[in-house]
Amino acid sequence: MTPSIRLAGFGEDADENYIDLTDLGALGLVNFEFAPHWDRSEVMLQSFQEYIQLHQTKVYACPDGGAVIVENESLELFGGAVLA
């Protein structure tokens, strides 16, 4: 749903790009990026802040069990999800 999947490959806990994807574009249905499985640590939030500065975007961090719901022009956060 996000503009890009590049956040998955950023930071200390980055996912490996084993298949050498070069196009990290995504659907772009929302104007922010999404960080699932956030462990609620300040260290991860700092990493997201670095990413935000580097890519000039918004990131919503979401712990397991949380959610970001977008409906029309409305956005709601549940279960500890935050704007990083």
C-alpha atoms as a PDB file:
ATOM      1  CA  MET A   1       0.000   0.000   0.000  1.00  0.00           C
ATOM      2  CA  THR A   2       2.970   2.339   0.637  1.00  0.00           C
ATOM      3  CA  PRO A   3       4.984   4.236  -2.000  1.00  0.00           C
ATOM      4  CA  SER A   4       8.043   2.057  -1.418  1.00  0.00           C
ATOM      5  CA  ILE A   5       9.320  -1.091   0.274  1.00  0.00           C
ATOM      6  CA  ARG A   6      12.818   0.333   0.850  1.00  0.00           C
ATOM      7  CA  LEU A   7      12.221   0.696   4.622  1.00  0.00           C
ATOM      8  CA  ALA A   8      12.438  -3.110   4.898  1.00  0.00           C
ATOM      9  CA  GLY A   9      16.110  -2.923   3.911  1.00  0.00           C
ATOM     10  CA  PHE A  10      17.073  -0.041   6.205  1.00  0.00           C
ATOM     11  CA  GLY A  11      18.830  -0.093   9.560  1.00  0.00           C
ATOM     12  CA  GLU A  12      20.341  -2.631  11.873  1.00  0.00           C
ATOM     13  CA  ASP A  13      17.427  -5.083  11.537  1.00  0.00           C
ATOM     14  CA  ALA A  14      17.206  -4.770   7.746  1.00  0.00           C
ATOM     15  CA  ASP A  15      15.851  -7.584   5.615  1.00  0.00           C
ATOM     16  CA  GLU A  16      18.379  -8.963   3.131  1.00  0.00           C
ATOM     17  CA  ASN A  17      17.629  -8.376  -0.548  1.00  0.00           C
ATOM     18  CA  TYR A  18      18.571 -11.915  -1.590  1.00  0.00           C
ATOM     19  CA  ILE A  19      17.088 -11.609  -5.057  1.00  0.00           C
ATOM     20  CA  ASP A  20      18.682  -8.225  -5.814  1.00  0.00           C
ATOM     21  CA  LEU A  21      15.489  -6.245  -6.349  1.00  0.00           C
ATOM     22  CA  THR A  22      16.279  -2.927  -7.973  1.00  0.00           C
ATOM     23  CA  ASP A  23      12.755  -1.489  -8.187  1.00  0.00           C
ATOM     24  CA  LEU A  24      11.621  -0.896  -4.604  1.00  0.00           C
ATOM     25  CA  GLY A  25       8.490   0.976  -5.629  1.00  0.00           C
ATOM     26  CA  ALA A  26       5.153  -0.205  -4.271  1.00  0.00           C
ATOM     27  CA  LEU A  27       1.457   0.563  -4.858  1.00  0.00           C
ATOM     28  CA  GLY A  28       1.519   4.107  -3.469  1.00  0.00           C
ATOM     29  CA  LEU A  29      -2.046   4.043  -2.170  1.00  0.00           C
ATOM     30  CA  VAL A  30      -1.010   5.944   0.973  1.00  0.00           C
ATOM     31  CA  ASN A  31       1.509   8.771   1.428  1.00  0.00           C
ATOM     32  CA  PHE A  32       3.509   7.187   4.253  1.00  0.00           C
ATOM     33  CA  GLU A  33       5.645   4.157   4.941  1.00  0.00           C
ATOM     34  CA  PHE A  34       4.799   1.391   7.384  1.00  0.00           C
ATOM     35  CA  ALA A  35       7.121  -0.333   9.853  1.00  0.00           C
ATOM     36  CA  PRO A  36       5.531  -3.551  11.155  1.00  0.00           C
ATOM     37  CA  HIS A  37       6.809  -5.597  14.103  1.00  0.00           C
ATOM     38  CA  TRP A  38       8.070  -2.526  15.982  1.00  0.00           C
ATOM     39  CA  ASP A  39       9.347  -3.707  19.362  1.00  0.00           C
ATOM     40  CA  ARG A  40       8.478  -0.334  20.976  1.00  0.00           C
ATOM     41  CA  SER A  41      12.154   0.442  21.517  1.00  0.00           C
ATOM     42  CA  GLU A  42      13.668   3.903  21.265  1.00  0.00           C
ATOM     43  CA  VAL A  43      16.536   2.402  19.234  1.00  0.00           C
ATOM     44  CA  MET A  44      14.151   1.375  16.452  1.00  0.00           C
ATOM     45  CA  LEU A  45      12.387   4.760  16.607  1.00  0.00           C
ATOM     46  CA  GLN A  46      15.752   6.481  16.164  1.00  0.00           C
ATOM     47  CA  SER A  47      16.413   4.321  13.110  1.00  0.00           C
ATOM     48  CA  PHE A  48      13.025   5.314  11.678  1.00  0.00           C
ATOM     49  CA  GLN A  49      13.881   8.986  12.341  1.00  0.00           C
ATOM     50  CA  GLU A  50      17.099   8.576  10.326  1.00  0.00           C
ATOM     51  CA  TYR A  51      15.106   7.002   7.513  1.00  0.00           C
ATOM     52  CA  ILE A  52      12.543   9.821   7.636  1.00  0.00           C
ATOM     53  CA  GLN A  53      15.277  12.444   7.334  1.00  0.00           C
ATOM     54  CA  LEU A  54      17.047  10.579   4.538  1.00  0.00           C
ATOM     55  CA  HIS A  55      13.925   9.975   2.436  1.00  0.00           C
ATOM     56  CA  GLN A  56      11.708  12.923   3.477  1.00  0.00           C
ATOM     57  CA  THR A  57       8.709  10.733   4.257  1.00  0.00           C
ATOM     58  CA  LYS A  58       6.413   9.781   7.129  1.00  0.00           C
ATOM     59  CA  VAL A  59       6.709   6.412   8.870  1.00  0.00           C
ATOM     60  CA  TYR A  60       4.099   4.769  11.057  1.00  0.00           C
ATOM     61  CA  ALA A  61       5.603   2.209  13.433  1.00  0.00           C
ATOM     62  CA  CYS A  62       3.307  -0.593  14.494  1.00  0.00           C
ATOM     63  CA  PRO A  63       3.860  -3.237  17.170  1.00  0.00           C
ATOM     64  CA  ASP A  64       2.469  -6.718  16.675  1.00  0.00           C
ATOM     65  CA  GLY A  65      -1.265  -6.558  17.308  1.00  0.00           C
ATOM     66  CA  GLY A  66      -1.462  -2.881  16.322  1.00  0.00           C
ATOM     67  CA  ALA A  67      -2.907  -1.310  13.190  1.00  0.00           C
ATOM     68  CA  VAL A  68      -3.026   1.763  10.991  1.00  0.00           C
ATOM     69  CA  ILE A  69      -6.466   2.100   9.426  1.00  0.00           C
ATOM     70  CA  VAL A  70      -6.950   4.454   6.482  1.00  0.00           C
ATOM     71  CA  GLU A  71     -10.478   5.093   5.274  1.00  0.00           C
ATOM     72  CA  ASN A  72     -11.156   7.883   2.806  1.00  0.00           C
ATOM     73  CA  GLU A  73      -9.282  10.881   4.269  1.00  0.00           C
ATOM     74  CA  SER A  74      -9.255   9.508   7.822  1.00  0.00           C
ATOM     75  CA  LEU A  75      -6.355   7.726   9.529  1.00  0.00           C
ATOM     76  CA  GLU A  76      -6.633   5.941  12.890  1.00  0.00           C
ATOM     77  CA  LEU A  77      -3.957   4.248  14.986  1.00  0.00           C
ATOM     78  CA  PHE A  78      -4.639   1.234  17.175  1.00  0.00           C
ATOM     79  CA  GLY A  79      -2.738  -1.027  19.546  1.00  0.00           C
ATOM     80  CA  GLY A  80       0.266   1.196  20.126  1.00  0.00           C
ATOM     81  CA  ALA A  81       0.934   2.265  16.531  1.00  0.00           C
ATOM     82  CA  VAL A  82       2.683   5.669  16.353  1.00  0.00           C
ATOM     83  CA  LEU A  83       3.883   8.234  13.867  1.00  0.00           C
ATOM     84  CA  ALA A  84       7.647   7.849  14.201  1.00  0.00           C
END
